[in-house]
Amino acid sequence: DAVLFHAVLHGSARIACAGGAMIE
């Protein structure tokens, strides 16, 4: 039920959700 916050401080990463949403 929580809200998750992620910030990239160095480098790069890809986030992908189980429902299909994805962001670089």
PDB file of all heavy atoms in Angstrom:
ATOM      1  N   ASP A   1       0.806  -1.221   0.000  1.00  0.00           N
ATOM      2  CA  ASP A   1       0.000   0.000   0.000  1.00  0.00           C
ATOM      3  C   ASP A   1       0.841   1.274   0.000  1.00  0.00           C
ATOM      4  O   ASP A   1       0.312   2.364  -0.202  1.00  0.00           O
ATOM      5  CB  ASP A   1      -0.911   0.025   1.238  1.00  0.00           C
ATOM      6  CG  ASP A   1      -1.962  -1.068   1.196  1.00  0.00           C
ATOM      7  OD1 ASP A   1      -2.317  -1.488   0.081  1.00  0.00           O
ATOM      8  OD2 ASP A   1      -2.415  -1.502   2.270  1.00  0.00           O
ATOM      9  N   ALA A   2       2.130   1.149   0.239  1.00  0.00           N
ATOM     10  CA  ALA A   2       2.979   2.328   0.391  1.00  0.00           C
ATOM     11  C   ALA A   2       3.303   2.979  -0.954  1.00  0.00           C
ATOM     12  O   ALA A   2       3.120   2.389  -2.021  1.00  0.00           O
ATOM     13  CB  ALA A   2       4.268   1.951   1.118  1.00  0.00           C
ATOM     14  N   VAL A   3       3.799   4.195  -0.866  1.00  0.00           N
ATOM     15  CA  VAL A   3       4.321   4.929  -2.017  1.00  0.00           C
ATOM     16  C   VAL A   3       5.848   4.829  -1.961  1.00  0.00           C
ATOM     17  O   VAL A   3       6.447   5.034  -0.898  1.00  0.00           O
ATOM     18  CB  VAL A   3       3.869   6.403  -1.972  1.00  0.00           C
ATOM     19  CG1 VAL A   3       4.678   7.255  -2.931  1.00  0.00           C
ATOM     20  CG2 VAL A   3       2.380   6.517  -2.283  1.00  0.00           C
ATOM     21  N   LEU A   4       6.478   4.503  -3.088  1.00  0.00           N
ATOM     22  CA  LEU A   4       7.939   4.372  -3.139  1.00  0.00           C
ATOM     23  C   LEU A   4       8.544   5.530  -3.918  1.00  0.00           C
ATOM     24  O   LEU A   4       8.046   5.905  -4.978  1.00  0.00           O
ATOM     25  CB  LEU A   4       8.339   3.052  -3.800  1.00  0.00           C
ATOM     26  CG  LEU A   4       8.480   1.798  -2.923  1.00  0.00           C
ATOM     27  CD1 LEU A   4       9.614   1.967  -1.924  1.00  0.00           C
ATOM     28  CD2 LEU A   4       7.182   1.477  -2.199  1.00  0.00           C
ATOM     29  N   PHE A   5       9.603   6.088  -3.355  1.00  0.00           N
ATOM     30  CA  PHE A   5      10.325   7.198  -3.970  1.00  0.00           C
ATOM     31  C   PHE A   5      11.733   6.724  -4.302  1.00  0.00           C
ATOM     32  O   PHE A   5      12.411   6.137  -3.453  1.00  0.00           O
ATOM     33  CB  PHE A   5      10.383   8.378  -2.994  1.00  0.00           C
ATOM     34  CG  PHE A   5      11.159   9.573  -3.488  1.00  0.00           C
ATOM     35  CD1 PHE A   5      10.513  10.633  -4.090  1.00  0.00           C
ATOM     36  CD2 PHE A   5      12.545   9.640  -3.331  1.00  0.00           C
ATOM     37  CE1 PHE A   5      11.224  11.737  -4.543  1.00  0.00           C
ATOM     38  CE2 PHE A   5      13.263  10.734  -3.776  1.00  0.00           C
ATOM     39  CZ  PHE A   5      12.606  11.787  -4.388  1.00  0.00           C
ATOM     40  N   HIS A   6      12.197   6.952  -5.536  1.00  0.00           N
ATOM     41  CA  HIS A   6      13.554   6.596  -5.944  1.00  0.00           C
ATOM     42  C   HIS A   6      14.167   7.767  -6.708  1.00  0.00           C
ATOM     43  O   HIS A   6      13.528   8.324  -7.620  1.00  0.00           O
ATOM     44  CB  HIS A   6      13.567   5.357  -6.849  1.00  0.00           C
ATOM     45  CG  HIS A   6      12.945   4.135  -6.252  1.00  0.00           C
ATOM     46  ND1 HIS A   6      13.548   3.408  -5.245  1.00  0.00           N
ATOM     47  CD2 HIS A   6      11.766   3.510  -6.521  1.00  0.00           C
ATOM     48  CE1 HIS A   6      12.773   2.381  -4.928  1.00  0.00           C
ATOM     49  NE2 HIS A   6      11.692   2.416  -5.677  1.00  0.00           N
ATOM     50  N   ALA A   7      15.380   8.138  -6.346  1.00  0.00           N
ATOM     51  CA  ALA A   7      16.107   9.191  -7.052  1.00  0.00           C
ATOM     52  C   ALA A   7      17.511   8.699  -7.367  1.00  0.00           C
ATOM     53  O   ALA A   7      18.188   8.134  -6.498  1.00  0.00           O
ATOM     54  CB  ALA A   7      16.164  10.463  -6.212  1.00  0.00           C
ATOM     55  N   VAL A   8      17.966   8.919  -8.590  1.00  0.00           N
ATOM     56  CA  VAL A   8      19.309   8.506  -9.003  1.00  0.00           C
ATOM     57  C   VAL A   8      20.274   9.667  -8.728  1.00  0.00           C
ATOM     58  O   VAL A   8      20.141  10.755  -9.304  1.00  0.00           O
ATOM     59  CB  VAL A   8      19.339   8.110 -10.497  1.00  0.00           C
ATOM     60  CG1 VAL A   8      20.762   7.792 -10.932  1.00  0.00           C
ATOM     61  CG2 VAL A   8      18.431   6.897 -10.729  1.00  0.00           C
ATOM     62  N   LEU A   9      21.234   9.429  -7.858  1.00  0.00           N
ATOM     63  CA  LEU A   9      22.217  10.457  -7.501  1.00  0.00           C
ATOM     64  C   LEU A   9      23.510  10.304  -8.292  1.00  0.00           C
ATOM     65  O   LEU A   9      24.286  11.253  -8.402  1.00  0.00           O
ATOM     66  CB  LEU A   9      22.524  10.380  -5.995  1.00  0.00           C
ATOM     67  CG  LEU A   9      21.316  10.424  -5.047  1.00  0.00           C
ATOM     68  CD1 LEU A   9      21.788  10.395  -3.602  1.00  0.00           C
ATOM     69  CD2 LEU A   9      20.456  11.656  -5.320  1.00  0.00           C
ATOM     70  N   HIS A  10      23.738   9.099  -8.814  1.00  0.00           N
ATOM     71  CA  HIS A  10      24.944   8.837  -9.603  1.00  0.00           C
ATOM     72  C   HIS A  10      24.640   7.718 -10.600  1.00  0.00           C
ATOM     73  O   HIS A  10      23.941   6.755 -10.270  1.00  0.00           O
ATOM     74  CB  HIS A  10      26.101   8.408  -8.683  1.00  0.00           C
ATOM     75  CG  HIS A  10      27.269   7.832  -9.430  1.00  0.00           C
ATOM     76  ND1 HIS A  10      28.159   8.608 -10.159  1.00  0.00           N
ATOM     77  CD2 HIS A  10      27.695   6.548  -9.572  1.00  0.00           C
ATOM     78  CE1 HIS A  10      29.068   7.825 -10.705  1.00  0.00           C
ATOM     79  NE2 HIS A  10      28.813   6.579 -10.370  1.00  0.00           N
ATOM     80  N   GLY A  11      25.149   7.850 -11.813  1.00  0.00           N
ATOM     81  CA  GLY A  11      24.971   6.810 -12.816  1.00  0.00           C
ATOM     82  C   GLY A  11      23.588   6.843 -13.437  1.00  0.00           C
ATOM     83  O   GLY A  11      22.963   7.905 -13.581  1.00  0.00           O
ATOM     84  N   SER A  12      23.082   5.691 -13.777  1.00  0.00           N
ATOM     85  CA  SER A  12      21.765   5.586 -14.403  1.00  0.00           C
ATOM     86  C   SER A  12      21.150   4.241 -14.046  1.00  0.00           C
ATOM     87  O   SER A  12      21.850   3.292 -13.677  1.00  0.00           O
ATOM     88  CB  SER A  12      21.867   5.727 -15.927  1.00  0.00           C
ATOM     89  OG  SER A  12      22.658   4.687 -16.469  1.00  0.00           O
ATOM     90  N   ALA A  13      19.825   4.162 -14.167  1.00  0.00           N
ATOM     91  CA  ALA A  13      19.112   2.931 -13.843  1.00  0.00           C
ATOM     92  C   ALA A  13      17.790   2.924 -14.594  1.00  0.00           C
ATOM     93  O   ALA A  13      17.326   3.954 -15.088  1.00  0.00           O
ATOM     94  CB  ALA A  13      18.875   2.806 -12.339  1.00  0.00           C
ATOM     95  N   ARG A  14      17.212   1.751 -14.680  1.00  0.00           N
ATOM     96  CA  ARG A  14      15.893   1.599 -15.304  1.00  0.00           C
ATOM     97  C   ARG A  14      14.942   1.043 -14.264  1.00  0.00           C
ATOM     98  O   ARG A  14      15.250   0.068 -13.581  1.00  0.00           O
ATOM     99  CB  ARG A  14      15.974   0.641 -16.491  1.00  0.00           C
ATOM    100  CG  ARG A  14      14.611   0.226 -17.034  1.00  0.00           C
ATOM    101  CD  ARG A  14      14.736  -0.860 -18.085  1.00  0.00           C
ATOM    102  NE  ARG A  14      15.340  -0.344 -19.301  1.00  0.00           N
ATOM    103  CZ  ARG A  14      15.538  -1.090 -20.396  1.00  0.00           C
ATOM    104  NH1 ARG A  14      15.211  -2.375 -20.389  1.00  0.00           N
ATOM    105  NH2 ARG A  14      16.088  -0.558 -21.466  1.00  0.00           N
ATOM    106  N   ILE A  15      13.760   1.668 -14.153  1.00  0.00           N
ATOM    107  CA  ILE A  15      12.726   1.147 -13.260  1.00  0.00           C
ATOM    108  C   ILE A  15      11.621   0.534 -14.107  1.00  0.00           C
ATOM    109  O   ILE A  15      11.197   1.123 -15.105  1.00  0.00           O
ATOM    110  CB  ILE A  15      12.170   2.249 -12.326  1.00  0.00           C
ATOM    111  CG1 ILE A  15      11.120   1.651 -11.378  1.00  0.00           C
ATOM    112  CG2 ILE A  15      11.596   3.424 -13.107  1.00  0.00           C
ATOM    113  CD1 ILE A  15      10.666   2.588 -10.284  1.00  0.00           C
ATOM    114  N   ALA A  16      11.196  -0.656 -13.719  1.00  0.00           N
ATOM    115  CA  ALA A  16      10.131  -1.347 -14.439  1.00  0.00           C
ATOM    116  C   ALA A  16       9.128  -1.872 -13.429  1.00  0.00           C
ATOM    117  O   ALA A  16       9.505  -2.487 -12.429  1.00  0.00           O
ATOM    118  CB  ALA A  16      10.693  -2.500 -15.267  1.00  0.00           C
ATOM    119  N   CYS A  17       7.841  -1.606 -13.669  1.00  0.00           N
ATOM    120  CA  CYS A  17       6.769  -2.060 -12.778  1.00  0.00           C
ATOM    121  C   CYS A  17       6.170  -3.356 -13.296  1.00  0.00           C
ATOM    122  O   CYS A  17       6.224  -3.654 -14.490  1.00  0.00           O
ATOM    123  CB  CYS A  17       5.683  -0.993 -12.670  1.00  0.00           C
ATOM    124  SG  CYS A  17       6.181   0.444 -11.710  1.00  0.00           S
ATOM    125  N   ALA A  18       5.555  -4.092 -12.380  1.00  0.00           N
ATOM    126  CA  ALA A  18       4.932  -5.359 -12.758  1.00  0.00           C
ATOM    127  C   ALA A  18       3.838  -5.150 -13.788  1.00  0.00           C
ATOM    128  O   ALA A  18       3.591  -6.017 -14.625  1.00  0.00           O
ATOM    129  CB  ALA A  18       4.362  -6.044 -11.518  1.00  0.00           C
ATOM    130  N   GLY A  19       3.192  -3.991 -13.764  1.00  0.00           N
ATOM    131  CA  GLY A  19       2.130  -3.714 -14.721  1.00  0.00           C
ATOM    132  C   GLY A  19       2.602  -3.309 -16.091  1.00  0.00           C
ATOM    133  O   GLY A  19       1.792  -3.125 -16.995  1.00  0.00           O
ATOM    134  N   GLY A  20       3.925  -3.137 -16.281  1.00  0.00           N
ATOM    135  CA  GLY A  20       4.457  -2.816 -17.603  1.00  0.00           C
ATOM    136  C   GLY A  20       5.061  -1.434 -17.742  1.00  0.00           C
ATOM    137  O   GLY A  20       5.788  -1.179 -18.712  1.00  0.00           O
ATOM    138  N   ALA A  21       4.781  -0.503 -16.830  1.00  0.00           N
ATOM    139  CA  ALA A  21       5.356   0.841 -16.922  1.00  0.00           C
ATOM    140  C   ALA A  21       6.868   0.775 -16.722  1.00  0.00           C
ATOM    141  O   ALA A  21       7.362   0.019 -15.882  1.00  0.00           O
ATOM    142  CB  ALA A  21       4.722   1.755 -15.881  1.00  0.00           C
ATOM    143  N   MET A  22       7.615   1.571 -17.501  1.00  0.00           N
ATOM    144  CA  MET A  22       9.080   1.548 -17.413  1.00  0.00           C
ATOM    145  C   MET A  22       9.626   2.931 -17.736  1.00  0.00           C
ATOM    146  O   MET A  22       9.124   3.618 -18.630  1.00  0.00           O
ATOM    147  CB  MET A  22       9.652   0.513 -18.387  1.00  0.00           C
ATOM    148  CG  MET A  22      11.157   0.350 -18.295  1.00  0.00           C
ATOM    149  SD  MET A  22      11.761  -0.941 -19.420  1.00  0.00           S
ATOM    150  CE  MET A  22      11.423  -0.164 -21.005  1.00  0.00           C
ATOM    151  N   ILE A  23      10.664   3.347 -17.001  1.00  0.00           N
ATOM    152  CA  ILE A  23      11.286   4.653 -17.204  1.00  0.00           C
ATOM    153  C   ILE A  23      12.795   4.500 -17.036  1.00  0.00           C
ATOM    154  O   ILE A  23      13.267   3.810 -16.136  1.00  0.00           O
ATOM    155  CB  ILE A  23      10.761   5.703 -16.202  1.00  0.00           C
ATOM    156  CG1 ILE A  23       9.260   5.953 -16.402  1.00  0.00           C
ATOM    157  CG2 ILE A  23      11.515   7.017 -16.345  1.00  0.00           C
ATOM    158  CD1 ILE A  23       8.676   6.928 -15.399  1.00  0.00           C
ATOM    159  N   GLU A  24      13.552   5.170 -17.912  1.00  0.00           N
ATOM    160  CA  GLU A  24      15.005   5.270 -17.776  1.00  0.00           C
ATOM    161  C   GLU A  24      15.327   6.501 -16.934  1.00  0.00           C
ATOM    162  O   GLU A  24      14.804   7.590 -17.189  1.00  0.00           O
ATOM    163  CB  GLU A  24      15.666   5.391 -19.152  1.00  0.00           C
ATOM    164  CG  GLU A  24      15.425   4.218 -20.078  1.00  0.00           C
ATOM    165  CD  GLU A  24      16.292   3.012 -19.738  1.00  0.00           C
ATOM    166  OE1 GLU A  24      17.196   3.167 -18.881  1.00  0.00           O
ATOM    167  OE2 GLU A  24      16.067   1.943 -20.318  1.00  0.00           O
TER     168      GLU A  24
END
